[in-house]
């Protein structure tokens, strides 16, 4: 009988230790689940911020490209106009051409204008 009582006592102690260990492990699992949820939320927020930043950068790149193209076009236009004025003045001075002849010359040299 003493042997059975001792085994019963040992088994009860083992059961108590296992119960406590199970409780501790369940608490750890809950803490890990909570941490995982917080990390998932932070990841979502960071992904959203990244997407917004990418969108803003894409829009800024488009605006800069349009602006650069307009500046380039304006510079080309200015250069063409300046060259044509200079050419017209030289032609008029050198050859005594009239305005209509200079305009026709411009259309032959720069047909896209």
Protein backbone atom coordinates (compact mmCIF):
# COMPACT_ATOMS: atom_id res chain seq x y z
CA UNK A 1 0.00 0.00 0.00
CA UNK A 2 2.83 2.38 0.74
CA UNK A 3 4.16 1.72 -2.75
CA UNK A 4 0.80 2.61 -4.34
CA UNK A 5 0.50 5.74 -2.21
CA UNK A 6 4.02 6.80 -3.22
CA UNK A 7 3.26 6.20 -6.92
CA UNK A 8 -0.01 8.12 -6.58
CA UNK A 9 1.80 11.02 -4.92
CA UNK A 10 4.51 11.00 -7.65
CA UNK A 11 1.89 10.92 -10.40
CA UNK A 12 -0.05 13.78 -8.78
CA UNK A 13 3.18 15.82 -8.56
CA UNK A 14 3.93 15.02 -12.20
CA UNK A 15 0.37 16.00 -13.15
CA UNK A 16 0.71 19.31 -11.28
CA UNK A 17 4.05 20.07 -13.00
CA UNK A 18 2.62 19.19 -16.41
CA UNK A 19 -0.48 21.29 -15.75
CA UNK A 20 1.70 24.26 -14.79
CA UNK A 21 3.95 23.72 -17.82
CA UNK A 22 0.87 23.51 -20.07
CA UNK A 23 -0.45 26.75 -18.61
CA UNK A 24 2.92 28.48 -19.18
CA UNK A 25 3.09 27.20 -22.76
CA UNK A 26 -0.47 28.37 -23.50
CA UNK A 27 0.39 31.81 -22.10
CA UNK A 28 3.48 31.92 -24.34
CA UNK A 29 1.38 30.94 -27.36
CA UNK A 30 -1.08 33.75 -26.58
CA UNK A 31 1.78 36.25 -26.25
CA UNK A 32 3.26 35.07 -29.55
CA UNK A 33 -0.16 35.34 -31.24
CA UNK A 34 -0.52 38.87 -29.89
CA UNK A 35 2.98 39.79 -31.09
CA UNK A 36 2.26 38.23 -34.47
CA UNK A 37 -0.94 40.26 -34.82
CA UNK A 38 0.90 43.48 -33.89
CA UNK A 39 3.64 42.71 -36.43
CA UNK A 40 1.07 41.96 -39.12
CA UNK A 41 -0.65 45.28 -38.41
CA UNK A 42 2.67 47.15 -38.51
CA UNK A 43 3.57 45.39 -41.76
CA UNK A 44 0.25 46.46 -43.29
CA UNK A 45 0.78 50.05 -42.22
CA UNK A 46 4.33 50.08 -43.58
CA UNK A 47 3.19 48.51 -46.86
CA UNK A 48 0.48 51.16 -47.19
CA UNK A 49 3.01 53.93 -46.50
CA UNK A 50 5.40 52.40 -49.04
CA UNK A 51 2.67 52.20 -51.68
CA UNK A 52 1.72 55.84 -51.04
CA UNK A 53 5.34 56.91 -51.30
CA UNK A 54 5.79 54.99 -54.56
CA UNK A 55 2.65 56.60 -55.97
CA UNK A 56 3.85 60.07 -55.02
CA UNK A 57 7.27 59.41 -56.52
CA UNK A 58 5.72 58.08 -59.73
CA UNK A 59 3.52 61.16 -60.00
CA UNK A 60 6.47 63.44 -59.29
CA UNK A 61 8.52 61.66 -61.96
CA UNK A 62 5.71 62.13 -64.49
CA UNK A 63 5.40 65.82 -63.61
CA UNK A 64 9.18 66.29 -63.89
CA UNK A 65 9.26 64.51 -67.25
CA UNK A 66 6.43 66.69 -68.60
CA UNK A 67 8.13 69.79 -67.25
CA UNK A 68 11.48 68.78 -68.75
CA UNK A 69 9.85 68.07 -72.11
CA UNK A 70 8.09 71.44 -72.06
CA UNK A 71 11.31 73.23 -71.11
CA UNK A 72 13.17 71.41 -73.85
CA UNK A 73 10.45 72.23 -76.38
CA UNK A 74 10.44 75.86 -75.27
CA UNK A 75 14.21 76.02 -75.63
CA UNK A 76 14.03 74.46 -79.11
CA UNK A 77 11.26 76.86 -80.08
CA UNK A 78 13.25 79.81 -78.79
CA UNK A 79 16.37 78.65 -80.63
CA UNK A 80 14.41 78.17 -83.86
CA UNK A 81 12.77 81.56 -83.55
CA UNK A 82 16.07 83.22 -82.71
CA UNK A 83 17.79 81.51 -85.63
CA UNK A 84 14.98 82.43 -87.99
CA UNK A 85 15.02 86.08 -86.84
CA UNK A 86 18.76 86.22 -87.29
CA UNK A 87 18.55 84.45 -90.65
CA UNK A 88 15.73 86.72 -91.77
CA UNK A 89 17.64 89.81 -90.77
CA UNK A 90 20.75 88.60 -92.57
CA UNK A 91 18.81 87.67 -95.72
CA UNK A 92 16.95 90.93 -95.73
CA UNK A 93 20.12 92.89 -95.21
CA UNK A 94 22.30 90.95 -97.63
CA UNK A 95 19.90 90.28 -100.45
CA UNK A 96 17.18 92.80 -99.84
CA UNK A 97 14.52 90.05 -99.71
CA UNK A 98 10.96 90.86 -98.73
CA UNK A 99 9.10 89.37 -95.78
CA UNK A 100 7.12 86.88 -97.93
CA UNK A 101 10.29 85.44 -99.44
CA UNK A 102 11.81 84.95 -95.95
CA UNK A 103 8.67 83.13 -94.75
CA UNK A 104 8.81 80.81 -97.77
CA UNK A 105 12.49 80.14 -97.04
CA UNK A 106 11.60 79.25 -93.44
CA UNK A 107 8.95 76.75 -94.58
CA UNK A 108 11.48 75.04 -96.85
CA UNK A 109 14.15 74.80 -94.14
CA UNK A 110 11.78 73.96 -91.25
CA UNK A 111 8.70 72.26 -92.76
CA UNK A 112 7.38 71.15 -89.34
CA UNK A 113 6.88 74.75 -88.16
